[in-house]
Amino acid sequence: MEHKKDILLCLVGGSLMIIGSLKGSLGFIGKLLSLATNYVSPEIELKIQWLLMIFGYIAAGGGISVIVEAIITAKCSDRIGK
């Protein structure tokens, strides 16, 4: 494994992306929805909640793909990892 530092950074970064999307989205969604309840209708509030939930899933998926790429790079960095 010639790219030990890069692989380690990818693993740490990917796990931080997953943790940030799970932990951060709960606080952000809760804060945004509490502010929005006074100004928007309940159906728009539901759409905002779904949109933010989708963004959280996209961020978690990005973290998973970074971790998968780090594993691929660790296994066979000469062919597939590049």
N, C-alpha and C. Protein backbone atom coordinates (compact mmCIF):
# COMPACT_ATOMS: atom_id res chain seq x y z
N MET A 1 0.85 -1.19 0.00
CA MET A 1 0.00 0.00 0.00
C MET A 1 0.89 1.24 0.00
N GLU A 2 0.96 1.86 -1.13
CA GLU A 2 1.83 3.02 -1.25
C GLU A 2 1.13 4.33 -0.90
N HIS A 3 -0.19 4.34 -0.83
CA HIS A 3 -0.94 5.56 -0.54
C HIS A 3 -1.62 5.47 0.82
N LYS A 4 -0.86 5.12 1.85
CA LYS A 4 -1.44 4.91 3.18
C LYS A 4 -2.09 6.19 3.72
N LYS A 5 -1.41 7.31 3.57
CA LYS A 5 -1.94 8.55 4.11
C LYS A 5 -3.22 8.98 3.38
N ASP A 6 -3.24 8.81 2.07
CA ASP A 6 -4.42 9.17 1.29
C ASP A 6 -5.61 8.30 1.64
N ILE A 7 -5.36 7.01 1.81
CA ILE A 7 -6.44 6.08 2.15
C ILE A 7 -6.98 6.40 3.54
N LEU A 8 -6.10 6.67 4.48
CA LEU A 8 -6.54 7.01 5.83
C LEU A 8 -7.36 8.29 5.83
N LEU A 9 -6.93 9.29 5.08
CA LEU A 9 -7.69 10.54 5.01
C LEU A 9 -9.05 10.34 4.36
N CYS A 10 -9.13 9.48 3.35
CA CYS A 10 -10.42 9.18 2.72
C CYS A 10 -11.35 8.48 3.68
N LEU A 11 -10.83 7.53 4.45
CA LEU A 11 -11.67 6.83 5.42
C LEU A 11 -12.18 7.78 6.50
N VAL A 12 -11.32 8.64 7.00
CA VAL A 12 -11.73 9.60 8.02
C VAL A 12 -12.73 10.61 7.44
N GLY A 13 -12.44 11.10 6.25
CA GLY A 13 -13.34 12.07 5.62
C GLY A 13 -14.70 11.48 5.30
N GLY A 14 -14.72 10.25 4.80
CA GLY A 14 -15.99 9.60 4.49
C GLY A 14 -16.83 9.35 5.73
N SER A 15 -16.18 8.91 6.80
CA SER A 15 -16.94 8.69 8.03
C SER A 15 -17.42 10.00 8.63
N LEU A 16 -16.64 11.06 8.50
CA LEU A 16 -17.11 12.37 8.98
C LEU A 16 -18.28 12.89 8.15
N MET A 17 -18.28 12.59 6.84
CA MET A 17 -19.42 12.99 6.01
C MET A 17 -20.69 12.26 6.43
N ILE A 18 -20.56 10.98 6.74
CA ILE A 18 -21.73 10.21 7.18
C ILE A 18 -22.22 10.72 8.53
N ILE A 19 -21.31 10.92 9.47
CA ILE A 19 -21.70 11.41 10.79
C ILE A 19 -22.30 12.80 10.69
N GLY A 20 -21.71 13.65 9.86
CA GLY A 20 -22.24 15.01 9.70
C GLY A 20 -23.61 15.04 9.07
N SER A 21 -23.85 14.14 8.12
CA SER A 21 -25.17 14.13 7.48
C SER A 21 -26.23 13.62 8.44
N LEU A 22 -25.88 12.68 9.31
CA LEU A 22 -26.86 12.15 10.24
C LEU A 22 -27.09 13.09 11.42
N LYS A 23 -26.02 13.56 12.02
CA LYS A 23 -26.13 14.43 13.19
C LYS A 23 -26.55 15.84 12.82
N GLY A 24 -25.92 16.38 11.79
CA GLY A 24 -26.19 17.77 11.41
C GLY A 24 -27.57 17.98 10.82
N SER A 25 -28.06 16.98 10.09
CA SER A 25 -29.37 17.15 9.46
C SER A 25 -30.48 17.19 10.50
N LEU A 26 -30.33 16.45 11.59
CA LEU A 26 -31.37 16.47 12.61
C LEU A 26 -31.51 17.86 13.24
N GLY A 27 -30.40 18.45 13.59
CA GLY A 27 -30.44 19.79 14.17
C GLY A 27 -30.87 20.83 13.17
N PHE A 28 -30.39 20.72 11.94
CA PHE A 28 -30.72 21.70 10.91
C PHE A 28 -32.19 21.60 10.50
N ILE A 29 -32.68 20.39 10.33
CA ILE A 29 -34.09 20.21 9.95
C ILE A 29 -35.00 20.70 11.06
N GLY A 30 -34.66 20.36 12.29
CA GLY A 30 -35.49 20.80 13.42
C GLY A 30 -35.53 22.31 13.55
N LYS A 31 -34.39 22.95 13.41
CA LYS A 31 -34.32 24.41 13.52
C LYS A 31 -35.06 25.09 12.38
N LEU A 32 -34.85 24.59 11.16
CA LEU A 32 -35.50 25.19 10.00
C LEU A 32 -37.01 25.01 10.06
N LEU A 33 -37.46 23.84 10.45
CA LEU A 33 -38.90 23.60 10.53
C LEU A 33 -39.55 24.40 11.65
N SER A 34 -38.85 24.58 12.75
CA SER A 34 -39.42 25.40 13.82
C SER A 34 -39.54 26.87 13.40
N LEU A 35 -38.61 27.34 12.58
CA LEU A 35 -38.72 28.70 12.07
C LEU A 35 -39.79 28.81 10.98
N ALA A 36 -39.94 27.75 10.19
CA ALA A 36 -40.85 27.80 9.05
C ALA A 36 -42.31 27.61 9.44
N THR A 37 -42.59 27.06 10.60
CA THR A 37 -43.99 26.78 10.96
C THR A 37 -44.82 28.05 11.09
N ASN A 38 -44.20 29.14 11.41
CA ASN A 38 -44.95 30.39 11.56
C ASN A 38 -45.28 31.05 10.23
N TYR A 39 -44.54 30.72 9.17
CA TYR A 39 -44.66 31.46 7.92
C TYR A 39 -45.21 30.67 6.75
N VAL A 40 -45.17 29.36 6.79
CA VAL A 40 -45.61 28.56 5.65
C VAL A 40 -46.73 27.61 6.06
N SER A 41 -47.40 27.11 5.05
CA SER A 41 -48.49 26.17 5.30
C SER A 41 -47.91 24.79 5.63
N PRO A 42 -48.74 23.93 6.23
CA PRO A 42 -48.23 22.60 6.59
C PRO A 42 -47.78 21.77 5.39
N GLU A 43 -48.41 21.93 4.23
CA GLU A 43 -47.98 21.14 3.07
C GLU A 43 -46.62 21.59 2.55
N ILE A 44 -46.33 22.88 2.60
CA ILE A 44 -45.01 23.36 2.20
C ILE A 44 -43.97 22.93 3.24
N GLU A 45 -44.35 22.92 4.50
CA GLU A 45 -43.45 22.46 5.55
C GLU A 45 -43.07 20.99 5.33
N LEU A 46 -44.03 20.19 4.91
CA LEU A 46 -43.76 18.78 4.62
C LEU A 46 -42.81 18.64 3.43
N LYS A 47 -42.99 19.48 2.40
CA LYS A 47 -42.10 19.44 1.25
C LYS A 47 -40.67 19.83 1.63
N ILE A 48 -40.54 20.83 2.49
CA ILE A 48 -39.22 21.24 2.97
C ILE A 48 -38.56 20.10 3.75
N GLN A 49 -39.34 19.44 4.57
CA GLN A 49 -38.82 18.33 5.36
C GLN A 49 -38.33 17.20 4.45
N TRP A 50 -39.08 16.87 3.42
CA TRP A 50 -38.68 15.83 2.48
C TRP A 50 -37.42 16.24 1.71
N LEU A 51 -37.35 17.48 1.30
CA LEU A 51 -36.20 17.97 0.55
C LEU A 51 -34.92 17.90 1.40
N LEU A 52 -35.00 18.32 2.64
CA LEU A 52 -33.84 18.27 3.51
C LEU A 52 -33.44 16.84 3.85
N MET A 53 -34.43 15.95 3.93
CA MET A 53 -34.13 14.55 4.18
C MET A 53 -33.40 13.94 2.97
N ILE A 54 -33.81 14.30 1.77
CA ILE A 54 -33.14 13.83 0.56
C ILE A 54 -31.70 14.34 0.51
N PHE A 55 -31.48 15.61 0.87
CA PHE A 55 -30.12 16.14 0.91
C PHE A 55 -29.25 15.39 1.92
N GLY A 56 -29.83 15.01 3.05
CA GLY A 56 -29.10 14.23 4.05
C GLY A 56 -28.69 12.87 3.51
N TYR A 57 -29.59 12.22 2.76
CA TYR A 57 -29.27 10.93 2.16
C TYR A 57 -28.18 11.07 1.10
N ILE A 58 -28.22 12.15 0.35
CA ILE A 58 -27.18 12.38 -0.66
C ILE A 58 -25.82 12.57 0.01
N ALA A 59 -25.78 13.30 1.11
CA ALA A 59 -24.52 13.50 1.83
C ALA A 59 -24.01 12.20 2.42
N ALA A 60 -24.91 11.37 2.97
CA ALA A 60 -24.49 10.08 3.52
C ALA A 60 -24.00 9.17 2.40
N GLY A 61 -24.66 9.21 1.26
CA GLY A 61 -24.20 8.42 0.11
C GLY A 61 -22.84 8.85 -0.38
N GLY A 62 -22.57 10.14 -0.33
CA GLY A 62 -21.25 10.63 -0.70
C GLY A 62 -20.17 10.12 0.24
N GLY A 63 -20.48 10.08 1.53
CA GLY A 63 -19.52 9.55 2.50
C GLY A 63 -19.25 8.07 2.28
N ILE A 64 -20.32 7.33 1.96
CA ILE A 64 -20.16 5.90 1.69
C ILE A 64 -19.32 5.69 0.43
N SER A 65 -19.55 6.50 -0.59
CA SER A 65 -18.77 6.33 -1.83
C SER A 65 -17.29 6.69 -1.61
N VAL A 66 -17.00 7.64 -0.75
CA VAL A 66 -15.60 7.97 -0.44
C VAL A 66 -14.93 6.80 0.27
N ILE A 67 -15.64 6.17 1.20
CA ILE A 67 -15.08 5.03 1.92
C ILE A 67 -14.86 3.85 0.96
N VAL A 68 -15.82 3.60 0.08
CA VAL A 68 -15.68 2.51 -0.89
C VAL A 68 -14.48 2.77 -1.80
N GLU A 69 -14.31 4.00 -2.25
CA GLU A 69 -13.17 4.33 -3.10
C GLU A 69 -11.84 4.16 -2.36
N ALA A 70 -11.81 4.46 -1.07
CA ALA A 70 -10.59 4.25 -0.29
C ALA A 70 -10.26 2.77 -0.20
N ILE A 71 -11.28 1.93 -0.05
CA ILE A 71 -11.06 0.49 0.01
C ILE A 71 -10.58 -0.03 -1.34
N ILE A 72 -11.17 0.46 -2.42
CA ILE A 72 -10.74 0.04 -3.76
C ILE A 72 -9.30 0.47 -4.02
N THR A 73 -8.95 1.66 -3.62
CA THR A 73 -7.59 2.15 -3.80
C THR A 73 -6.60 1.33 -2.97
N ALA A 74 -7.01 0.92 -1.78
CA ALA A 74 -6.13 0.11 -0.94
C ALA A 74 -5.90 -1.26 -1.52
N LYS A 75 -6.94 -1.84 -2.12
CA LYS A 75 -6.82 -3.21 -2.66
C LYS A 75 -6.00 -3.25 -3.94
N CYS A 76 -6.33 -2.39 -4.89
CA CYS A 76 -5.65 -2.45 -6.18
C CYS A 76 -5.47 -1.03 -6.72
N SER A 77 -4.48 -0.35 -6.21
CA SER A 77 -4.26 1.04 -6.59
C SER A 77 -3.67 1.20 -7.97
N ASP A 78 -3.13 0.14 -8.55
CA ASP A 78 -2.52 0.25 -9.87
C ASP A 78 -3.54 0.29 -10.99
N ARG A 79 -4.64 -0.41 -10.83
CA ARG A 79 -5.61 -0.52 -11.93
C ARG A 79 -6.88 0.28 -11.69
N ILE A 80 -7.65 -0.09 -10.70
CA ILE A 80 -8.99 0.47 -10.53
C ILE A 80 -8.99 1.78 -9.74
N GLY A 81 -8.12 1.88 -8.75
CA GLY A 81 -8.15 3.02 -7.85
C GLY A 81 -7.86 4.37 -8.48
N LYS A 82 -7.18 4.36 -9.60
CA LYS A 82 -6.83 5.63 -10.24
C LYS A 82 -8.00 6.12 -11.04
